[in-house]
Amino acid sequence: MNRDQFRGASRHLKGRAETALGGVIGDPARQIRGAVNQVAGGAQYAYGRARDRAEDLADDGRHLAREVRDRAGNLIEDGRDFARQARKRGQTYGRQAVRYADDNRTSAILGLAAVAFAVGWLARSKR
């Protein structure tokens, strides 16, 4: 309960007491002042509750933002790990391919020629 809620509730109760006292002693001005205090106290209490709720929502938003930042950091780090692993694998497979091509030069040249012919055949214009 914040200051506005406390003051609003006390003003509302004071207004109710003033309204009741005005009714008992027959003082319409006191009854009106009491009714005004009741309404003003209720409005101040409602304002205090809204402010309290807004502070709670702001706290929740800050908490969610921290959570998102932490999770994003974790995802970025995971992505970097995957990229490092992929680079290592690519280098390993590249070395293996170069070694295979060095060891089997005739097969490699025939394979490249076949690929070049296939690409040329597919890329030719249809006349």
C-alpha atoms as a PDB file:
ATOM      1  CA  MET A   1       0.000   0.000   0.000  1.00  0.00           C
ATOM      2  CA  ASN A   2       1.506   3.314  -1.032  1.00  0.00           C
ATOM      3  CA  ARG A   3       1.020   6.810   0.384  1.00  0.00           C
ATOM      4  CA  ASP A   4      -1.825   7.709  -2.004  1.00  0.00           C
ATOM      5  CA  GLN A   5      -3.756   4.555  -1.169  1.00  0.00           C
ATOM      6  CA  PHE A   6      -3.369   5.163   2.565  1.00  0.00           C
ATOM      7  CA  ARG A   7      -4.330   8.850   2.386  1.00  0.00           C
ATOM      8  CA  GLY A   8      -7.218   8.126   0.033  1.00  0.00           C
ATOM      9  CA  ALA A   9      -8.628   5.406   2.280  1.00  0.00           C
ATOM     10  CA  SER A  10      -8.323   7.602   5.389  1.00  0.00           C
ATOM     11  CA  ARG A  11      -9.940  10.581   3.592  1.00  0.00           C
ATOM     12  CA  HIS A  12     -12.766   8.331   2.405  1.00  0.00           C
ATOM     13  CA  LEU A  13     -13.388   7.066   5.968  1.00  0.00           C
ATOM     14  CA  LYS A  14     -13.221  10.617   7.316  1.00  0.00           C
ATOM     15  CA  GLY A  15     -15.776  11.656   4.684  1.00  0.00           C
ATOM     16  CA  ARG A  16     -18.107   8.805   5.655  1.00  0.00           C
ATOM     17  CA  ALA A  17     -17.882   9.798   9.307  1.00  0.00           C
ATOM     18  CA  GLU A  18     -18.494  13.447   8.445  1.00  0.00           C
ATOM     19  CA  THR A  19     -21.510  12.539   6.302  1.00  0.00           C
ATOM     20  CA  ALA A  20     -22.955  10.400   9.093  1.00  0.00           C
ATOM     21  CA  LEU A  21     -22.324  13.129  11.689  1.00  0.00           C
ATOM     22  CA  GLY A  22     -23.939  15.739   9.438  1.00  0.00           C
ATOM     23  CA  GLY A  23     -26.992  13.491   9.076  1.00  0.00           C
ATOM     24  CA  VAL A  24     -27.251  12.969  12.858  1.00  0.00           C
ATOM     25  CA  ILE A  25     -26.946  16.652  13.778  1.00  0.00           C
ATOM     26  CA  GLY A  26     -28.894  17.869  10.729  1.00  0.00           C
ATOM     27  CA  ASP A  27     -26.088  19.854   9.096  1.00  0.00           C
ATOM     28  CA  PRO A  28     -26.431  19.568   5.278  1.00  0.00           C
ATOM     29  CA  ALA A  29     -23.168  21.478   4.657  1.00  0.00           C
ATOM     30  CA  ARG A  30     -21.257  18.914   6.730  1.00  0.00           C
ATOM     31  CA  GLN A  31     -22.976  16.092   4.833  1.00  0.00           C
ATOM     32  CA  ILE A  32     -21.913  17.626   1.490  1.00  0.00           C
ATOM     33  CA  ARG A  33     -18.318  18.139   2.711  1.00  0.00           C
ATOM     34  CA  GLY A  34     -18.341  14.507   3.868  1.00  0.00           C
ATOM     35  CA  ALA A  35     -19.611  13.285   0.490  1.00  0.00           C
ATOM     36  CA  VAL A  36     -16.948  15.354  -1.303  1.00  0.00           C
ATOM     37  CA  ASN A  37     -14.254  13.864   0.952  1.00  0.00           C
ATOM     38  CA  GLN A  38     -15.602  10.365   0.286  1.00  0.00           C
ATOM     39  CA  VAL A  39     -15.408  10.854  -3.473  1.00  0.00           C
ATOM     40  CA  ALA A  40     -12.005  12.565  -3.333  1.00  0.00           C
ATOM     41  CA  GLY A  41     -10.666   9.858  -1.008  1.00  0.00           C
ATOM     42  CA  GLY A  42     -11.968   7.129  -3.295  1.00  0.00           C
ATOM     43  CA  ALA A  43     -10.355   8.816  -6.299  1.00  0.00           C
ATOM     44  CA  GLN A  44      -7.030   9.202  -4.471  1.00  0.00           C
ATOM     45  CA  TYR A  45      -7.168   5.558  -3.389  1.00  0.00           C
ATOM     46  CA  ALA A  46      -7.895   4.468  -6.989  1.00  0.00           C
ATOM     47  CA  TYR A  47      -4.999   6.622  -8.206  1.00  0.00           C
ATOM     48  CA  GLY A  48      -2.719   4.973  -5.632  1.00  0.00           C
ATOM     49  CA  ARG A  49      -3.789   1.508  -6.769  1.00  0.00           C
ATOM     50  CA  ALA A  50      -3.224   2.415 -10.424  1.00  0.00           C
ATOM     51  CA  ARG A  51       0.203   3.825  -9.590  1.00  0.00           C
ATOM     52  CA  ASP A  52       1.044   0.701  -7.620  1.00  0.00           C
ATOM     53  CA  ARG A  53      -0.051  -1.489 -10.530  1.00  0.00           C
ATOM     54  CA  ALA A  54       1.953   0.603 -12.999  1.00  0.00           C
ATOM     55  CA  GLU A  55       5.062   0.186 -10.840  1.00  0.00           C
ATOM     56  CA  ASP A  56       4.464  -3.573 -10.747  1.00  0.00           C
ATOM     57  CA  LEU A  57       4.117  -3.659 -14.533  1.00  0.00           C
ATOM     58  CA  ALA A  58       7.303  -1.608 -14.947  1.00  0.00           C
ATOM     59  CA  ASP A  59       9.146  -4.040 -12.661  1.00  0.00           C
ATOM     60  CA  ASP A  60       7.787  -6.968 -14.679  1.00  0.00           C
ATOM     61  CA  GLY A  61       8.907  -5.260 -17.891  1.00  0.00           C
ATOM     62  CA  ARG A  62      12.421  -4.725 -16.539  1.00  0.00           C
ATOM     63  CA  HIS A  63      12.547  -8.361 -15.437  1.00  0.00           C
ATOM     64  CA  LEU A  64      11.397  -9.557 -18.862  1.00  0.00           C
ATOM     65  CA  ALA A  65      13.933  -7.312 -20.597  1.00  0.00           C
ATOM     66  CA  ARG A  66      16.755  -8.763 -18.472  1.00  0.00           C
ATOM     67  CA  GLU A  67      15.534 -12.288 -19.233  1.00  0.00           C
ATOM     68  CA  VAL A  68      15.395 -11.585 -22.976  1.00  0.00           C
ATOM     69  CA  ARG A  69      18.890 -10.028 -22.884  1.00  0.00           C
ATOM     70  CA  ASP A  70      20.278 -13.071 -21.051  1.00  0.00           C
ATOM     71  CA  ARG A  71      18.623 -15.538 -23.409  1.00  0.00           C
ATOM     72  CA  ALA A  72      19.774 -13.573 -26.463  1.00  0.00           C
ATOM     73  CA  GLY A  73      23.324 -13.608 -25.107  1.00  0.00           C
ATOM     74  CA  ASN A  74      23.126 -17.362 -24.677  1.00  0.00           C
ATOM     75  CA  LEU A  75      21.790 -17.809 -28.218  1.00  0.00           C
ATOM     76  CA  ILE A  76      24.557 -15.626 -29.640  1.00  0.00           C
ATOM     77  CA  GLU A  77      27.188 -17.627 -27.797  1.00  0.00           C
ATOM     78  CA  ASP A  78      25.626 -20.889 -29.025  1.00  0.00           C
ATOM     79  CA  GLY A  79      25.676 -19.511 -32.581  1.00  0.00           C
ATOM     80  CA  ARG A  80      29.343 -18.622 -32.250  1.00  0.00           C
ATOM     81  CA  ASP A  81      30.098 -22.149 -31.023  1.00  0.00           C
ATOM     82  CA  PHE A  82      28.226 -23.658 -33.969  1.00  0.00           C
ATOM     83  CA  ALA A  83      30.101 -21.379 -36.388  1.00  0.00           C
ATOM     84  CA  ARG A  84      33.467 -22.414 -34.895  1.00  0.00           C
ATOM     85  CA  GLN A  85      32.536 -26.096 -35.199  1.00  0.00           C
ATOM     86  CA  ALA A  86      31.352 -25.626 -38.800  1.00  0.00           C
ATOM     87  CA  ARG A  87      34.582 -23.800 -39.698  1.00  0.00           C
ATOM     88  CA  LYS A  88      36.664 -26.627 -38.176  1.00  0.00           C
ATOM     89  CA  ARG A  89      34.653 -29.249 -40.050  1.00  0.00           C
ATOM     90  CA  GLY A  90      34.919 -27.275 -43.284  1.00  0.00           C
ATOM     91  CA  GLN A  91      38.677 -27.001 -42.911  1.00  0.00           C
ATOM     92  CA  THR A  92      38.954 -30.715 -42.124  1.00  0.00           C
ATOM     93  CA  TYR A  93      36.802 -31.761 -45.081  1.00  0.00           C
ATOM     94  CA  GLY A  94      38.651 -29.304 -47.344  1.00  0.00           C
ATOM     95  CA  ARG A  95      42.010 -30.793 -46.372  1.00  0.00           C
ATOM     96  CA  GLN A  96      40.640 -34.291 -46.963  1.00  0.00           C
ATOM     97  CA  ALA A  97      39.363 -33.253 -50.400  1.00  0.00           C
ATOM     98  CA  VAL A  98      42.733 -31.732 -51.331  1.00  0.00           C
ATOM     99  CA  ARG A  99      44.536 -34.864 -50.105  1.00  0.00           C
ATOM    100  CA  TYR A 100      42.163 -37.077 -52.116  1.00  0.00           C
ATOM    101  CA  ALA A 101      42.657 -34.923 -55.219  1.00  0.00           C
ATOM    102  CA  ASP A 102      46.454 -35.105 -54.797  1.00  0.00           C
ATOM    103  CA  ASP A 103      46.356 -38.865 -54.285  1.00  0.00           C
ATOM    104  CA  ASN A 104      43.914 -39.508 -57.156  1.00  0.00           C
ATOM    105  CA  ARG A 105      44.753 -36.871 -59.740  1.00  0.00           C
ATOM    106  CA  THR A 106      43.352 -38.724 -62.712  1.00  0.00           C
ATOM    107  CA  SER A 107      40.014 -39.385 -61.007  1.00  0.00           C
ATOM    108  CA  ALA A 108      39.829 -35.795 -59.774  1.00  0.00           C
ATOM    109  CA  ILE A 109      40.498 -34.350 -63.228  1.00  0.00           C
ATOM    110  CA  LEU A 110      37.935 -36.679 -64.847  1.00  0.00           C
ATOM    111  CA  GLY A 111      35.398 -35.770 -62.138  1.00  0.00           C
ATOM    112  CA  LEU A 112      35.966 -32.027 -62.647  1.00  0.00           C
ATOM    113  CA  ALA A 113      35.696 -32.457 -66.422  1.00  0.00           C
ATOM    114  CA  ALA A 114      32.385 -34.315 -65.982  1.00  0.00           C
ATOM    115  CA  VAL A 115      31.041 -31.579 -63.724  1.00  0.00           C
ATOM    116  CA  ALA A 116      32.168 -28.845 -66.147  1.00  0.00           C
ATOM    117  CA  PHE A 117      30.539 -30.683 -69.066  1.00  0.00           C
ATOM    118  CA  ALA A 118      27.272 -31.086 -67.097  1.00  0.00           C
ATOM    119  CA  VAL A 119      27.214 -27.403 -66.150  1.00  0.00           C
ATOM    120  CA  GLY A 120      27.929 -26.414 -69.767  1.00  0.00           C
ATOM    121  CA  TRP A 121      25.226 -28.749 -71.052  1.00  0.00           C
ATOM    122  CA  LEU A 122      22.643 -27.350 -68.612  1.00  0.00           C
ATOM    123  CA  ALA A 123      23.649 -23.720 -69.248  1.00  0.00           C
ATOM    124  CA  ARG A 124      23.592 -23.919 -73.075  1.00  0.00           C
ATOM    125  CA  SER A 125      20.975 -21.947 -74.954  1.00  0.00           C
ATOM    126  CA  LYS A 126      18.130 -23.938 -76.452  1.00  0.00           C
ATOM    127  CA  ARG A 127      18.000 -23.098 -80.180  1.00  0.00           C
END
